[in-house]
Amino acid sequence: MKKIIIFFLFLLFQTSNISANSLDEIKRIIVGNKDAKITIITYESFTCSHCANFHINVYPQLKKNYIDTGIAKIEFRHFPLDLAAFNASKISQCRNDGGSEILDSLFLNQPKWVKGKSIDEVNENLKKFLVSEGFDLDFNHCTTNKNIEDFVLNDRIEGVKKFKVNATPT
């Protein structure tokens, strides 16, 4: 009987670990029908002016013609070029809902937060921007969360190794 109880406790412990690990999984930011036949993968850096230009001048038409019609979906991948972009990437993933609302806002309003003589000034501007846009996030938690940090860095590593990405946007 004692062995059976130990076995069930072990099984319960393993099941609870699986559930906890599943909750820690970071969701990729994807826009469009998950079953779309075409997948567009884009590597971007939040401090890249060309990436912001893509979101302002190209993405709306691409979304209207291909993503909203179900022909394609777009997967946003992180390729931070500097510490400010790295922090913004972590912020964009922090809600972990797979939505692009924060990502879109950061690119569309890049001049409002990408400024400062030091990373501390840029971070302060980013914090103020998030508050002004109504995003309720714990900035410190988002930027120091090891799972989110690894997710962002692994995007960059995969981009270099698998797709030979060396600049943004790609």
Protein backbone atom coordinates (compact mmCIF):
# COMPACT_ATOMS: atom_id res chain seq x y z
CA MET A 1 0.00 0.00 0.00
CA LYS A 2 2.84 2.38 0.84
CA LYS A 3 4.37 1.82 -2.63
CA ILE A 4 1.05 2.65 -4.30
CA ILE A 5 0.73 5.91 -2.35
CA ILE A 6 4.30 6.88 -3.23
CA PHE A 7 3.60 6.04 -6.89
CA PHE A 8 0.50 8.28 -6.95
CA LEU A 9 2.34 11.11 -5.23
CA PHE A 10 5.12 10.78 -7.83
CA LEU A 11 2.55 10.76 -10.64
CA LEU A 12 0.79 13.80 -9.18
CA PHE A 13 4.12 15.66 -8.87
CA GLN A 14 5.05 14.87 -12.49
CA THR A 15 1.64 15.97 -13.78
CA SER A 16 1.83 19.26 -11.86
CA ASN A 17 5.31 19.90 -13.30
CA ILE A 18 4.03 19.36 -16.83
CA SER A 19 1.20 21.82 -16.25
CA ALA A 20 3.56 24.42 -14.77
CA ASN A 21 5.98 24.06 -17.69
CA SER A 22 3.12 24.41 -20.19
CA LEU A 23 2.13 27.71 -18.57
CA ASP A 24 5.69 28.99 -18.95
CA GLU A 25 5.72 28.42 -22.71
CA ILE A 26 6.02 31.69 -24.60
CA LYS A 27 3.54 32.19 -27.43
CA ARG A 28 4.86 33.49 -30.73
CA ILE A 29 3.27 36.70 -32.02
CA ILE A 30 1.28 35.63 -35.07
CA VAL A 31 -1.29 37.59 -37.05
CA GLY A 32 -3.67 35.82 -39.40
CA ASN A 33 -5.33 32.46 -39.86
CA LYS A 34 -3.21 29.81 -38.14
CA ASP A 35 -4.09 27.40 -40.96
CA ALA A 36 -3.09 29.78 -43.78
CA LYS A 37 -1.12 28.06 -46.52
CA ILE A 38 1.48 30.83 -46.63
CA THR A 39 3.57 31.77 -43.61
CA ILE A 40 5.58 34.98 -43.71
CA ILE A 41 8.36 35.05 -41.14
CA THR A 42 9.80 38.47 -40.41
CA TYR A 43 12.85 39.23 -38.28
CA GLU A 44 12.80 42.73 -36.82
CA SER A 45 14.45 44.98 -34.27
CA PHE A 46 12.32 47.53 -32.41
CA THR A 47 14.95 50.25 -32.79
CA CYS A 48 15.31 49.70 -36.55
CA SER A 49 13.81 52.63 -38.47
CA HIS A 50 13.37 50.46 -41.58
CA CYS A 51 11.34 47.97 -39.52
CA ALA A 52 9.13 50.79 -38.27
CA ASN A 53 8.75 51.98 -41.87
CA PHE A 54 7.61 48.47 -42.84
CA HIS A 55 4.93 48.56 -40.14
CA ILE A 56 3.76 52.03 -41.16
CA ASN A 57 3.90 51.83 -44.97
CA VAL A 58 3.93 48.17 -46.07
CA TYR A 59 2.33 46.00 -43.41
CA PRO A 60 -1.16 47.58 -43.52
CA GLN A 61 -1.57 46.74 -47.24
CA LEU A 62 -0.01 43.29 -46.78
CA LYS A 63 -2.40 42.65 -43.91
CA LYS A 64 -5.42 43.88 -45.85
CA ASN A 65 -4.69 41.93 -49.04
CA TYR A 66 -3.22 38.68 -47.73
CA ILE A 67 -3.49 38.24 -43.98
CA ASP A 68 -7.05 39.45 -43.38
CA THR A 69 -8.25 37.43 -46.39
CA GLY A 70 -6.79 34.22 -44.94
CA ILE A 71 -4.23 33.68 -47.68
CA ALA A 72 -1.24 34.19 -45.40
CA LYS A 73 -0.23 34.62 -41.78
CA ILE A 74 2.76 36.52 -40.45
CA GLU A 75 5.04 35.41 -37.63
CA PHE A 76 7.04 38.13 -35.96
CA ARG A 77 10.48 37.06 -34.78
CA HIS A 78 12.87 39.07 -32.65
CA PHE A 79 16.27 40.19 -33.87
CA PRO A 80 17.26 42.91 -31.40
CA LEU A 81 20.19 45.02 -32.58
CA ASP A 82 20.82 46.73 -29.25
CA LEU A 83 19.79 46.69 -25.60
CA ALA A 84 16.84 49.05 -26.14
CA ALA A 85 15.44 46.74 -28.85
CA PHE A 86 16.10 43.73 -26.61
CA ASN A 87 14.05 45.29 -23.79
CA ALA A 88 11.26 46.27 -26.19
CA SER A 89 11.20 42.70 -27.54
CA LYS A 90 10.78 41.36 -24.03
CA ILE A 91 7.99 43.89 -23.40
CA SER A 92 6.17 42.83 -26.59
CA GLN A 93 6.17 39.20 -25.41
CA CYS A 94 5.28 39.89 -21.79
CA ARG A 95 1.51 39.52 -22.00
CA ASN A 96 2.12 36.13 -23.63
CA ASP A 97 -1.20 36.23 -25.46
CA GLY A 98 0.23 35.90 -28.98
CA GLY A 99 -1.30 39.26 -29.87
CA SER A 100 0.48 41.99 -31.79
CA GLU A 101 -1.05 45.04 -30.06
CA ILE A 102 2.10 46.03 -28.14
CA LEU A 103 4.40 45.14 -31.06
CA ASP A 104 2.33 47.28 -33.43
CA SER A 105 2.23 50.20 -31.03
CA LEU A 106 6.00 50.11 -30.43
CA PHE A 107 6.75 50.21 -34.16
CA LEU A 108 4.07 52.75 -35.08
CA ASN A 109 5.24 55.11 -32.34
CA GLN A 110 8.97 54.43 -32.41
CA PRO A 111 10.06 58.12 -32.23
CA LYS A 112 8.13 58.57 -28.96
CA TRP A 113 10.17 56.05 -26.99
CA VAL A 114 13.44 55.40 -28.89
CA LYS A 115 15.36 58.36 -27.57
CA GLY A 116 17.85 59.02 -24.86
CA LYS A 117 21.58 59.27 -24.27
CA SER A 118 21.71 56.05 -22.23
CA ILE A 119 19.81 52.79 -21.94
CA ASP A 120 18.35 54.08 -18.67
CA GLU A 121 16.85 57.10 -20.47
CA VAL A 122 15.47 54.91 -23.26
CA ASN A 123 13.96 52.54 -20.69
CA GLU A 124 12.33 55.48 -18.89
CA ASN A 125 10.88 56.71 -22.19
CA LEU A 126 9.65 53.19 -22.96
CA LYS A 127 7.99 52.95 -19.52
CA LYS A 128 6.30 56.33 -19.98
CA PHE A 129 5.16 55.38 -23.48
CA LEU A 130 3.62 52.10 -22.28
CA VAL A 131 1.71 53.93 -19.55
CA SER A 132 0.52 56.63 -21.99
CA GLU A 133 -0.75 53.92 -24.36
CA GLY A 134 -2.62 52.16 -21.54
CA PHE A 135 -0.50 49.00 -21.45
CA ASP A 136 -0.61 47.66 -17.93
CA LEU A 137 2.68 45.77 -17.61
CA ASP A 138 5.22 45.26 -14.86
CA PHE A 139 8.24 46.67 -16.72
CA ASN A 140 10.80 45.19 -14.34
CA HIS A 141 9.21 41.74 -14.45
CA CYS A 142 8.95 41.82 -18.25
CA THR A 143 12.54 42.89 -18.81
CA THR A 144 14.07 40.51 -16.26
CA ASN A 145 11.98 37.40 -16.94
CA LYS A 146 14.47 34.68 -17.92
CA ASN A 147 11.94 32.70 -20.02
CA ILE A 148 11.06 35.74 -22.11
CA GLU A 149 14.72 36.71 -22.43
CA ASP A 150 15.64 33.21 -23.66
CA PHE A 151 12.73 33.24 -26.11
CA VAL A 152 13.88 36.53 -27.66
CA LEU A 153 17.53 35.47 -27.82
CA ASN A 154 16.61 32.12 -29.34
CA ASP A 155 14.69 33.93 -32.10
CA ARG A 156 17.86 35.82 -32.96
CA ILE A 157 20.03 32.70 -32.83
CA GLU A 158 17.60 30.77 -35.03
CA GLY A 159 17.48 33.65 -37.50
CA VAL A 160 21.25 33.62 -37.88
CA LYS A 161 21.69 29.84 -37.98
CA LYS A 162 18.63 28.74 -39.94
CA PHE A 163 17.91 31.70 -42.22
CA LYS A 164 21.28 33.54 -42.35
CA VAL A 165 19.67 36.75 -41.07
CA ASN A 166 22.28 39.47 -40.57
CA ALA A 167 20.22 42.67 -40.74
CA THR A 168 16.72 43.95 -40.13
CA PRO A 169 14.12 43.86 -41.42
CA THR A 170 14.42 40.42 -42.97
